[in-house]
Amino acid sequence: MNAIKQHATFRRFSKESSAATLHATDTKQQASLSLVAYREPGKELLMLFINSSERQSASVAAYY
């Protein structure tokens, strides 16, 4: 049976800046997904990474 394992972290660097990550992978390690968010005054960054066991990957980043 294939299941999904997930792990999330949050880190505050200072009063105004922080980062959060979410990582999920299936137990057979055929695919994984990572979402990373970073925030500081006047800047926000959101990145999404998708990988598969077939060596295919995609990433998207938004910065504003």
PDB file of N, CA and C in Angstrom:
ATOM      1  N   MET A   1       0.837  -1.182   0.000  1.00  0.00           N
ATOM      2  CA  MET A   1       0.000   0.000   0.000  1.00  0.00           C
ATOM      3  C   MET A   1       0.879   1.241   0.000  1.00  0.00           C
ATOM      4  N   ASN A   2       0.529   2.197  -0.812  1.00  0.00           N
ATOM      5  CA  ASN A   2       1.255   3.451  -0.910  1.00  0.00           C
ATOM      6  C   ASN A   2       0.566   4.498  -0.045  1.00  0.00           C
ATOM      7  N   ALA A   3       1.331   5.232   0.709  1.00  0.00           N
ATOM      8  CA  ALA A   3       0.783   6.275   1.577  1.00  0.00           C
ATOM      9  C   ALA A   3       1.601   7.544   1.400  1.00  0.00           C
ATOM     10  N   ILE A   4       1.099   8.626   1.941  1.00  0.00           N
ATOM     11  CA  ILE A   4       1.771   9.924   1.859  1.00  0.00           C
ATOM     12  C   ILE A   4       2.352  10.276   3.229  1.00  0.00           C
ATOM     13  N   LYS A   5       3.628  10.637   3.248  1.00  0.00           N
ATOM     14  CA  LYS A   5       4.261  11.139   4.466  1.00  0.00           C
ATOM     15  C   LYS A   5       4.440  12.633   4.280  1.00  0.00           C
ATOM     16  N   GLN A   6       4.180  13.403   5.334  1.00  0.00           N
ATOM     17  CA  GLN A   6       4.346  14.843   5.227  1.00  0.00           C
ATOM     18  C   GLN A   6       5.089  15.404   6.429  1.00  0.00           C
ATOM     19  N   HIS A   7       5.748  16.524   6.193  1.00  0.00           N
ATOM     20  CA  HIS A   7       6.542  17.172   7.223  1.00  0.00           C
ATOM     21  C   HIS A   7       6.416  18.678   7.023  1.00  0.00           C
ATOM     22  N   ALA A   8       6.155  19.393   8.088  1.00  0.00           N
ATOM     23  CA  ALA A   8       6.015  20.845   7.998  1.00  0.00           C
ATOM     24  C   ALA A   8       6.913  21.503   9.045  1.00  0.00           C
ATOM     25  N   THR A   9       7.478  22.663   8.694  1.00  0.00           N
ATOM     26  CA  THR A   9       8.287  23.424   9.641  1.00  0.00           C
ATOM     27  C   THR A   9       7.918  24.905   9.541  1.00  0.00           C
ATOM     28  N   PHE A  10       8.146  25.607  10.614  1.00  0.00           N
ATOM     29  CA  PHE A  10       7.964  27.052  10.636  1.00  0.00           C
ATOM     30  C   PHE A  10       9.136  27.638  11.403  1.00  0.00           C
ATOM     31  N   ARG A  11       9.700  28.702  10.892  1.00  0.00           N
ATOM     32  CA  ARG A  11      10.826  29.338  11.573  1.00  0.00           C
ATOM     33  C   ARG A  11      10.681  30.849  11.516  1.00  0.00           C
ATOM     34  N   ARG A  12      10.824  31.464  12.649  1.00  0.00           N
ATOM     35  CA  ARG A  12      10.796  32.930  12.728  1.00  0.00           C
ATOM     36  C   ARG A  12      12.242  33.405  12.874  1.00  0.00           C
ATOM     37  N   PHE A  13      12.696  34.216  11.908  1.00  0.00           N
ATOM     38  CA  PHE A  13      14.062  34.728  11.934  1.00  0.00           C
ATOM     39  C   PHE A  13      14.164  35.989  12.764  1.00  0.00           C
ATOM     40  N   SER A  14      13.140  36.801  12.706  1.00  0.00           N
ATOM     41  CA  SER A  14      13.084  38.033  13.493  1.00  0.00           C
ATOM     42  C   SER A  14      11.615  38.366  13.702  1.00  0.00           C
ATOM     43  N   LYS A  15      11.364  39.508  14.286  1.00  0.00           N
ATOM     44  CA  LYS A  15       9.977  39.907  14.530  1.00  0.00           C
ATOM     45  C   LYS A  15       9.196  40.077  13.224  1.00  0.00           C
ATOM     46  N   GLU A  16       9.900  40.447  12.145  1.00  0.00           N
ATOM     47  CA  GLU A  16       9.225  40.707  10.869  1.00  0.00           C
ATOM     48  C   GLU A  16       9.431  39.646   9.801  1.00  0.00           C
ATOM     49  N   SER A  17      10.376  38.734   9.953  1.00  0.00           N
ATOM     50  CA  SER A  17      10.632  37.765   8.885  1.00  0.00           C
ATOM     51  C   SER A  17      10.452  36.336   9.391  1.00  0.00           C
ATOM     52  N   SER A  18       9.912  35.491   8.503  1.00  0.00           N
ATOM     53  CA  SER A  18       9.659  34.094   8.861  1.00  0.00           C
ATOM     54  C   SER A  18       9.611  33.254   7.592  1.00  0.00           C
ATOM     55  N   ALA A  19       9.691  31.942   7.778  1.00  0.00           N
ATOM     56  CA  ALA A  19       9.615  31.003   6.662  1.00  0.00           C
ATOM     57  C   ALA A  19       8.834  29.780   7.096  1.00  0.00           C
ATOM     58  N   ALA A  20       8.136  29.188   6.147  1.00  0.00           N
ATOM     59  CA  ALA A  20       7.382  27.963   6.404  1.00  0.00           C
ATOM     60  C   ALA A  20       7.630  27.006   5.242  1.00  0.00           C
ATOM     61  N   THR A  21       7.744  25.723   5.549  1.00  0.00           N
ATOM     62  CA  THR A  21       7.912  24.709   4.513  1.00  0.00           C
ATOM     63  C   THR A  21       6.940  23.562   4.744  1.00  0.00           C
ATOM     64  N   LEU A  22       6.512  22.968   3.668  1.00  0.00           N
ATOM     65  CA  LEU A  22       5.688  21.766   3.701  1.00  0.00           C
ATOM     66  C   LEU A  22       6.267  20.808   2.673  1.00  0.00           C
ATOM     67  N   HIS A  23       6.571  19.604   3.105  1.00  0.00           N
ATOM     68  CA  HIS A  23       7.129  18.605   2.199  1.00  0.00           C
ATOM     69  C   HIS A  23       6.288  17.343   2.306  1.00  0.00           C
ATOM     70  N   ALA A  24       5.892  16.806   1.184  1.00  0.00           N
ATOM     71  CA  ALA A  24       5.112  15.559   1.158  1.00  0.00           C
ATOM     72  C   ALA A  24       5.718  14.624   0.123  1.00  0.00           C
ATOM     73  N   THR A  25       5.804  13.355   0.484  1.00  0.00           N
ATOM     74  CA  THR A  25       6.308  12.341  -0.448  1.00  0.00           C
ATOM     75  C   THR A  25       5.529  11.048  -0.232  1.00  0.00           C
ATOM     76  N   ASP A  26       5.399  10.268  -1.290  1.00  0.00           N
ATOM     77  CA  ASP A  26       4.717   8.991  -1.125  1.00  0.00           C
ATOM     78  C   ASP A  26       5.724   7.966  -0.608  1.00  0.00           C
ATOM     79  N   THR A  27       5.247   6.935   0.049  1.00  0.00           N
ATOM     80  CA  THR A  27       6.126   5.974   0.700  1.00  0.00           C
ATOM     81  C   THR A  27       6.971   5.163  -0.279  1.00  0.00           C
ATOM     82  N   LYS A  28       6.558   5.074  -1.508  1.00  0.00           N
ATOM     83  CA  LYS A  28       7.365   4.390  -2.527  1.00  0.00           C
ATOM     84  C   LYS A  28       8.322   5.364  -3.209  1.00  0.00           C
ATOM     85  N   GLN A  29       8.326   6.612  -2.763  1.00  0.00           N
ATOM     86  CA  GLN A  29       9.191   7.675  -3.266  1.00  0.00           C
ATOM     87  C   GLN A  29       9.104   7.842  -4.777  1.00  0.00           C
ATOM     88  N   GLN A  30       7.895   7.792  -5.269  1.00  0.00           N
ATOM     89  CA  GLN A  30       7.687   8.000  -6.694  1.00  0.00           C
ATOM     90  C   GLN A  30       7.479   9.470  -7.020  1.00  0.00           C
ATOM     91  N   ALA A  31       7.062  10.243  -6.044  1.00  0.00           N
ATOM     92  CA  ALA A  31       6.833  11.665  -6.281  1.00  0.00           C
ATOM     93  C   ALA A  31       6.925  12.426  -4.965  1.00  0.00           C
ATOM     94  N   SER A  32       7.305  13.696  -5.072  1.00  0.00           N
ATOM     95  CA  SER A  32       7.339  14.542  -3.887  1.00  0.00           C
ATOM     96  C   SER A  32       6.918  15.956  -4.261  1.00  0.00           C
ATOM     97  N   LEU A  33       6.461  16.657  -3.259  1.00  0.00           N
ATOM     98  CA  LEU A  33       6.020  18.034  -3.433  1.00  0.00           C
ATOM     99  C   LEU A  33       6.551  18.841  -2.259  1.00  0.00           C
ATOM    100  N   SER A  34       7.137  20.000  -2.534  1.00  0.00           N
ATOM    101  CA  SER A  34       7.622  20.892  -1.485  1.00  0.00           C
ATOM    102  C   SER A  34       7.074  22.288  -1.745  1.00  0.00           C
ATOM    103  N   LEU A  35       6.598  22.910  -0.698  1.00  0.00           N
ATOM    104  CA  LEU A  35       6.093  24.277  -0.762  1.00  0.00           C
ATOM    105  C   LEU A  35       6.863  25.088   0.265  1.00  0.00           C
ATOM    106  N   VAL A  36       7.468  26.189  -0.180  1.00  0.00           N
ATOM    107  CA  VAL A  36       8.269  27.035   0.695  1.00  0.00           C
ATOM    108  C   VAL A  36       7.734  28.461   0.606  1.00  0.00           C
ATOM    109  N   ALA A  37       7.498  29.075   1.766  1.00  0.00           N
ATOM    110  CA  ALA A  37       7.040  30.466   1.828  1.00  0.00           C
ATOM    111  C   ALA A  37       7.987  31.241   2.731  1.00  0.00           C
ATOM    112  N   TYR A  38       8.430  32.411   2.271  1.00  0.00           N
ATOM    113  CA  TYR A  38       9.324  33.267   3.048  1.00  0.00           C
ATOM    114  C   TYR A  38       8.754  34.677   3.048  1.00  0.00           C
ATOM    115  N   ARG A  39       8.828  35.333   4.188  1.00  0.00           N
ATOM    116  CA  ARG A  39       8.255  36.676   4.282  1.00  0.00           C
ATOM    117  C   ARG A  39       9.152  37.565   5.125  1.00  0.00           C
ATOM    118  N   GLU A  40       9.369  38.780   4.631  1.00  0.00           N
ATOM    119  CA  GLU A  40      10.030  39.836   5.385  1.00  0.00           C
ATOM    120  C   GLU A  40       9.386  41.142   4.949  1.00  0.00           C
ATOM    121  N   PRO A  41       9.605  42.234   5.658  1.00  0.00           N
ATOM    122  CA  PRO A  41       8.926  43.489   5.319  1.00  0.00           C
ATOM    123  C   PRO A  41       9.133  43.885   3.851  1.00  0.00           C
ATOM    124  N   GLY A  42       8.042  44.031   3.132  1.00  0.00           N
ATOM    125  CA  GLY A  42       8.093  44.452   1.738  1.00  0.00           C
ATOM    126  C   GLY A  42       8.422  43.352   0.742  1.00  0.00           C
ATOM    127  N   LYS A  43       8.657  42.125   1.192  1.00  0.00           N
ATOM    128  CA  LYS A  43       9.026  41.031   0.290  1.00  0.00           C
ATOM    129  C   LYS A  43       8.313  39.759   0.708  1.00  0.00           C
ATOM    130  N   GLU A  44       7.804  39.028  -0.268  1.00  0.00           N
ATOM    131  CA  GLU A  44       7.220  37.711  -0.031  1.00  0.00           C
ATOM    132  C   GLU A  44       7.650  36.791  -1.168  1.00  0.00           C
ATOM    133  N   LEU A  45       7.998  35.582  -0.835  1.00  0.00           N
ATOM    134  CA  LEU A  45       8.455  34.607  -1.815  1.00  0.00           C
ATOM    135  C   LEU A  45       7.710  33.303  -1.576  1.00  0.00           C
ATOM    136  N   LEU A  46       7.179  32.737  -2.646  1.00  0.00           N
ATOM    137  CA  LEU A  46       6.474  31.457  -2.575  1.00  0.00           C
ATOM    138  C   LEU A  46       7.039  30.553  -3.663  1.00  0.00           C
ATOM    139  N   MET A  47       7.515  29.375  -3.281  1.00  0.00           N
ATOM    140  CA  MET A  47       8.101  28.441  -4.249  1.00  0.00           C
ATOM    141  C   MET A  47       7.418  27.084  -4.121  1.00  0.00           C
ATOM    142  N   LEU A  48       7.189  26.451  -5.247  1.00  0.00           N
ATOM    143  CA  LEU A  48       6.591  25.119  -5.290  1.00  0.00           C
ATOM    144  C   LEU A  48       7.497  24.222  -6.129  1.00  0.00           C
ATOM    145  N   PHE A  49       7.883  23.072  -5.576  1.00  0.00           N
ATOM    146  CA  PHE A  49       8.733  22.117  -6.276  1.00  0.00           C
ATOM    147  C   PHE A  49       7.996  20.788  -6.370  1.00  0.00           C
ATOM    148  N   ILE A  50       7.953  20.202  -7.555  1.00  0.00           N
ATOM    149  CA  ILE A  50       7.313  18.907  -7.773  1.00  0.00           C
ATOM    150  C   ILE A  50       8.332  18.011  -8.471  1.00  0.00           C
ATOM    151  N   ASN A  51       8.555  16.830  -7.912  1.00  0.00           N
ATOM    152  CA  ASN A  51       9.517  15.877  -8.483  1.00  0.00           C
ATOM    153  C   ASN A  51       8.871  14.506  -8.613  1.00  0.00           C
ATOM    154  N   SER A  52       9.301  13.761  -9.622  1.00  0.00           N
ATOM    155  CA  SER A  52       8.827  12.380  -9.779  1.00  0.00           C
ATOM    156  C   SER A  52      10.030  11.460  -9.930  1.00  0.00           C
ATOM    157  N   SER A  53       9.811  10.177  -9.749  1.00  0.00           N
ATOM    158  CA  SER A  53      10.897   9.203  -9.852  1.00  0.00           C
ATOM    159  C   SER A  53      11.391   9.043 -11.289  1.00  0.00           C
ATOM    160  N   GLU A  54      10.645   9.555 -12.229  1.00  0.00           N
ATOM    161  CA  GLU A  54      11.047   9.466 -13.629  1.00  0.00           C
ATOM    162  C   GLU A  54      11.965  10.619 -14.029  1.00  0.00           C
ATOM    163  N   ARG A  55      12.553  11.247 -13.007  1.00  0.00           N
ATOM    164  CA  ARG A  55      13.493  12.360 -13.193  1.00  0.00           C
ATOM    165  C   ARG A  55      12.845  13.578 -13.853  1.00  0.00           C
ATOM    166  N   GLN A  56      11.556  13.682 -13.717  1.00  0.00           N
ATOM    167  CA  GLN A  56      10.856  14.860 -14.204  1.00  0.00           C
ATOM    168  C   GLN A  56      10.609  15.770 -13.009  1.00  0.00           C
ATOM    169  N   SER A  57      10.779  17.048 -13.201  1.00  0.00           N
ATOM    170  CA  SER A  57      10.549  17.972 -12.104  1.00  0.00           C
ATOM    171  C   SER A  57      10.009  19.281 -12.649  1.00  0.00           C
ATOM    172  N   ALA A  58       9.374  20.008 -11.772  1.00  0.00           N
ATOM    173  CA  ALA A  58       8.845  21.320 -12.112  1.00  0.00           C
ATOM    174  C   ALA A  58       8.990  22.204 -10.890  1.00  0.00           C
ATOM    175  N   SER A  59       9.210  23.477 -11.117  1.00  0.00           N
ATOM    176  CA  SER A  59       9.262  24.420 -10.005  1.00  0.00           C
ATOM    177  C   SER A  59       8.633  25.735 -10.445  1.00  0.00           C
ATOM    178  N   VAL A  60       8.006  26.367  -9.507  1.00  0.00           N
ATOM    179  CA  VAL A  60       7.351  27.646  -9.753  1.00  0.00           C
ATOM    180  C   VAL A  60       7.724  28.566  -8.597  1.00  0.00           C
ATOM    181  N   ALA A  61       8.068  29.794  -8.896  1.00  0.00           N
ATOM    182  CA  ALA A  61       8.388  30.758  -7.851  1.00  0.00           C
ATOM    183  C   ALA A  61       7.633  32.054  -8.121  1.00  0.00           C
ATOM    184  N   ALA A  62       7.102  32.628  -7.072  1.00  0.00           N
ATOM    185  CA  ALA A  62       6.429  33.918  -7.162  1.00  0.00           C
ATOM    186  C   ALA A  62       7.066  34.839  -6.137  1.00  0.00           C
ATOM    187  N   TYR A  63       7.493  36.010  -6.572  1.00  0.00           N
ATOM    188  CA  TYR A  63       8.166  36.958  -5.694  1.00  0.00           C
ATOM    189  C   TYR A  63       7.468  38.299  -5.832  1.00  0.00           C
ATOM    190  N   TYR A  64       7.005  38.829  -4.721  1.00  0.00           N
ATOM    191  CA  TYR A  64       6.341  40.140  -4.770  1.00  0.00           C
ATOM    192  C   TYR A  64       6.506  40.852  -3.466  1.00  0.00           C
TER     193      TYR A  64
END
